[in-house]
Amino acid sequence: MADFRQDGPTIEPCPQLLEATAGQKLITDDNMGTEWRYFLGLE
């Protein structure tokens, strides 16, 4: 995956983004709760 660059595009075309993220776990609102459980005092 390319590093963030100030002179690069700010929006990637969908096919390019799908190719770059193929095989990676999908992040949705449904599974982000695990990132906030300690901050929100849920655990």
PDB file of N, CA and C in Angstrom:
ATOM      1  N   MET A   1       0.854  -1.187   0.000  1.00  0.00           N
ATOM      2  CA  MET A   1       0.000   0.000   0.000  1.00  0.00           C
ATOM      3  C   MET A   1       0.894   1.243   0.000  1.00  0.00           C
ATOM      4  N   ALA A   2       0.534   2.216  -0.771  1.00  0.00           N
ATOM      5  CA  ALA A   2       1.332   3.437  -0.899  1.00  0.00           C
ATOM      6  C   ALA A   2       1.186   4.312   0.350  1.00  0.00           C
ATOM      7  N   ASP A   3       2.251   5.024   0.664  1.00  0.00           N
ATOM      8  CA  ASP A   3       2.210   5.985   1.764  1.00  0.00           C
ATOM      9  C   ASP A   3       1.405   7.204   1.347  1.00  0.00           C
ATOM     10  N   PHE A   4       0.850   7.914   2.337  1.00  0.00           N
ATOM     11  CA  PHE A   4       0.129   9.157   2.068  1.00  0.00           C
ATOM     12  C   PHE A   4       1.106  10.181   1.527  1.00  0.00           C
ATOM     13  N   ARG A   5       0.714  10.842   0.466  1.00  0.00           N
ATOM     14  CA  ARG A   5       1.561  11.872  -0.137  1.00  0.00           C
ATOM     15  C   ARG A   5       0.754  13.134  -0.335  1.00  0.00           C
ATOM     16  N   GLN A   6       1.328  14.258  -0.031  1.00  0.00           N
ATOM     17  CA  GLN A   6       0.663  15.545  -0.202  1.00  0.00           C
ATOM     18  C   GLN A   6       0.366  15.831  -1.674  1.00  0.00           C
ATOM     19  N   ASP A   7       1.209  15.332  -2.581  1.00  0.00           N
ATOM     20  CA  ASP A   7       1.017  15.628  -3.995  1.00  0.00           C
ATOM     21  C   ASP A   7       0.213  14.552  -4.723  1.00  0.00           C
ATOM     22  N   GLY A   8      -0.317  13.578  -3.989  1.00  0.00           N
ATOM     23  CA  GLY A   8      -1.088  12.496  -4.604  1.00  0.00           C
ATOM     24  C   GLY A   8      -2.562  12.835  -4.680  1.00  0.00           C
ATOM     25  N   PRO A   9      -3.338  11.944  -5.312  1.00  0.00           N
ATOM     26  CA  PRO A   9      -4.781  12.169  -5.424  1.00  0.00           C
ATOM     27  C   PRO A   9      -5.455  12.086  -4.054  1.00  0.00           C
ATOM     28  N   THR A  10      -6.495  12.865  -3.865  1.00  0.00           N
ATOM     29  CA  THR A  10      -7.210  12.829  -2.586  1.00  0.00           C
ATOM     30  C   THR A  10      -8.315  11.795  -2.596  1.00  0.00           C
ATOM     31  N   ILE A  11      -8.742  11.367  -3.791  1.00  0.00           N
ATOM     32  CA  ILE A  11      -9.787  10.348  -3.907  1.00  0.00           C
ATOM     33  C   ILE A  11      -9.293   9.276  -4.867  1.00  0.00           C
ATOM     34  N   GLU A  12      -9.325   8.016  -4.409  1.00  0.00           N
ATOM     35  CA  GLU A  12      -8.932   6.914  -5.270  1.00  0.00           C
ATOM     36  C   GLU A  12     -10.141   6.386  -6.016  1.00  0.00           C
ATOM     37  N   PRO A  13      -9.977   6.012  -7.269  1.00  0.00           N
ATOM     38  CA  PRO A  13     -11.076   5.385  -8.002  1.00  0.00           C
ATOM     39  C   PRO A  13     -11.435   4.051  -7.344  1.00  0.00           C
ATOM     40  N   CYS A  14     -12.703   3.678  -7.390  1.00  0.00           N
ATOM     41  CA  CYS A  14     -13.187   2.469  -6.736  1.00  0.00           C
ATOM     42  C   CYS A  14     -12.410   1.217  -7.146  1.00  0.00           C
ATOM     43  N   PRO A  15     -12.191   0.949  -8.424  1.00  0.00           N
ATOM     44  CA  PRO A  15     -11.452  -0.264  -8.785  1.00  0.00           C
ATOM     45  C   PRO A  15     -10.042  -0.307  -8.184  1.00  0.00           C
ATOM     46  N   GLN A  16      -9.387   0.830  -8.134  1.00  0.00           N
ATOM     47  CA  GLN A  16      -8.039   0.899  -7.556  1.00  0.00           C
ATOM     48  C   GLN A  16      -8.096   0.625  -6.057  1.00  0.00           C
ATOM     49  N   LEU A  17      -9.070   1.178  -5.380  1.00  0.00           N
ATOM     50  CA  LEU A  17      -9.227   0.964  -3.944  1.00  0.00           C
ATOM     51  C   LEU A  17      -9.548  -0.495  -3.636  1.00  0.00           C
ATOM     52  N   LEU A  18     -10.440  -1.102  -4.424  1.00  0.00           N
ATOM     53  CA  LEU A  18     -10.781  -2.510  -4.219  1.00  0.00           C
ATOM     54  C   LEU A  18      -9.573  -3.410  -4.440  1.00  0.00           C
ATOM     55  N   GLU A  19      -8.767  -3.098  -5.442  1.00  0.00           N
ATOM     56  CA  GLU A  19      -7.561  -3.880  -5.703  1.00  0.00           C
ATOM     57  C   GLU A  19      -6.561  -3.748  -4.558  1.00  0.00           C
ATOM     58  N   ALA A  20      -6.402  -2.547  -4.049  1.00  0.00           N
ATOM     59  CA  ALA A  20      -5.433  -2.302  -2.978  1.00  0.00           C
ATOM     60  C   ALA A  20      -5.849  -2.937  -1.656  1.00  0.00           C
ATOM     61  N   THR A  21      -7.140  -3.176  -1.463  1.00  0.00           N
ATOM     62  CA  THR A  21      -7.623  -3.710  -0.190  1.00  0.00           C
ATOM     63  C   THR A  21      -8.134  -5.146  -0.306  1.00  0.00           C
ATOM     64  N   ALA A  22      -7.905  -5.789  -1.440  1.00  0.00           N
ATOM     65  CA  ALA A  22      -8.366  -7.170  -1.634  1.00  0.00           C
ATOM     66  C   ALA A  22      -7.806  -8.082  -0.550  1.00  0.00           C
ATOM     67  N   GLY A  23      -8.670  -8.882   0.042  1.00  0.00           N
ATOM     68  CA  GLY A  23      -8.252  -9.839   1.059  1.00  0.00           C
ATOM     69  C   GLY A  23      -8.164  -9.276   2.465  1.00  0.00           C
ATOM     70  N   GLN A  24      -8.391  -7.990   2.650  1.00  0.00           N
ATOM     71  CA  GLN A  24      -8.329  -7.403   3.981  1.00  0.00           C
ATOM     72  C   GLN A  24      -9.713  -7.410   4.616  1.00  0.00           C
ATOM     73  N   LYS A  25      -9.747  -7.392   5.930  1.00  0.00           N
ATOM     74  CA  LYS A  25     -11.004  -7.407   6.660  1.00  0.00           C
ATOM     75  C   LYS A  25     -11.765  -6.097   6.431  1.00  0.00           C
ATOM     76  N   LEU A  26     -13.058  -6.219   6.160  1.00  0.00           N
ATOM     77  CA  LEU A  26     -13.915  -5.066   5.951  1.00  0.00           C
ATOM     78  C   LEU A  26     -14.212  -4.390   7.291  1.00  0.00           C
ATOM     79  N   ILE A  27     -14.031  -3.086   7.365  1.00  0.00           N
ATOM     80  CA  ILE A  27     -14.330  -2.319   8.574  1.00  0.00           C
ATOM     81  C   ILE A  27     -15.669  -1.625   8.357  1.00  0.00           C
ATOM     82  N   THR A  28     -16.603  -1.884   9.267  1.00  0.00           N
ATOM     83  CA  THR A  28     -17.930  -1.279   9.187  1.00  0.00           C
ATOM     84  C   THR A  28     -18.284  -0.692  10.547  1.00  0.00           C
ATOM     85  N   ASP A  29     -19.405  -0.002  10.614  1.00  0.00           N
ATOM     86  CA  ASP A  29     -19.883   0.506  11.904  1.00  0.00           C
ATOM     87  C   ASP A  29     -20.208  -0.642  12.853  1.00  0.00           C
ATOM     88  N   ASP A  30     -20.532  -1.808  12.310  1.00  0.00           N
ATOM     89  CA  ASP A  30     -20.893  -2.957  13.134  1.00  0.00           C
ATOM     90  C   ASP A  30     -19.721  -3.494  13.939  1.00  0.00           C
ATOM     91  N   ASN A  31     -18.510  -3.386  13.436  1.00  0.00           N
ATOM     92  CA  ASN A  31     -17.377  -3.964  14.165  1.00  0.00           C
ATOM     93  C   ASN A  31     -16.427  -2.916  14.747  1.00  0.00           C
ATOM     94  N   MET A  32     -16.812  -1.658  14.747  1.00  0.00           N
ATOM     95  CA  MET A  32     -15.947  -0.636  15.331  1.00  0.00           C
ATOM     96  C   MET A  32     -16.140  -0.510  16.841  1.00  0.00           C
ATOM     97  N   GLY A  33     -17.183  -1.117  17.386  1.00  0.00           N
ATOM     98  CA  GLY A  33     -17.420  -1.054  18.821  1.00  0.00           C
ATOM     99  C   GLY A  33     -16.264  -1.597  19.635  1.00  0.00           C
ATOM    100  N   THR A  34     -15.557  -2.582  19.090  1.00  0.00           N
ATOM    101  CA  THR A  34     -14.429  -3.144  19.822  1.00  0.00           C
ATOM    102  C   THR A  34     -13.308  -2.132  20.003  1.00  0.00           C
ATOM    103  N   GLU A  35     -13.224  -1.155  19.125  1.00  0.00           N
ATOM    104  CA  GLU A  35     -12.191  -0.133  19.261  1.00  0.00           C
ATOM    105  C   GLU A  35     -12.516   0.860  20.376  1.00  0.00           C
ATOM    106  N   TRP A  36     -13.778   0.977  20.754  1.00  0.00           N
ATOM    107  CA  TRP A  36     -14.213   1.982  21.720  1.00  0.00           C
ATOM    108  C   TRP A  36     -14.640   1.385  23.061  1.00  0.00           C
ATOM    109  N   ARG A  37     -14.593   0.073  23.217  1.00  0.00           N
ATOM    110  CA  ARG A  37     -15.159  -0.548  24.417  1.00  0.00           C
ATOM    111  C   ARG A  37     -14.508  -0.064  25.704  1.00  0.00           C
ATOM    112  N   TYR A  38     -13.196   0.119  25.710  1.00  0.00           N
ATOM    113  CA  TYR A  38     -12.521   0.569  26.941  1.00  0.00           C
ATOM    114  C   TYR A  38     -12.787   2.063  27.182  1.00  0.00           C
ATOM    115  N   PHE A  39     -12.715   2.839  26.120  1.00  0.00           N
ATOM    116  CA  PHE A  39     -12.944   4.283  26.240  1.00  0.00           C
ATOM    117  C   PHE A  39     -14.342   4.578  26.775  1.00  0.00           C
ATOM    118  N   LEU A  40     -15.327   3.808  26.332  1.00  0.00           N
ATOM    119  CA  LEU A  40     -16.704   4.031  26.755  1.00  0.00           C
ATOM    120  C   LEU A  40     -17.050   3.303  28.053  1.00  0.00           C
ATOM    121  N   GLY A  41     -16.082   2.579  28.607  1.00  0.00           N
ATOM    122  CA  GLY A  41     -16.313   1.868  29.854  1.00  0.00           C
ATOM    123  C   GLY A  41     -17.207   0.650  29.699  1.00  0.00           C
ATOM    124  N   LEU A  42     -17.201   0.035  28.531  1.00  0.00           N
ATOM    125  CA  LEU A  42     -18.038  -1.128  28.294  1.00  0.00           C
ATOM    126  C   LEU A  42     -17.369  -2.417  28.750  1.00  0.00           C
ATOM    127  N   GLU A  43     -16.096  -2.352  29.100  1.00  0.00           N
ATOM    128  CA  GLU A  43     -15.367  -3.511  29.565  1.00  0.00           C
ATOM    129  C   GLU A  43     -14.408  -3.135  30.651  1.00  0.00           C
TER     130      GLU A  43
END
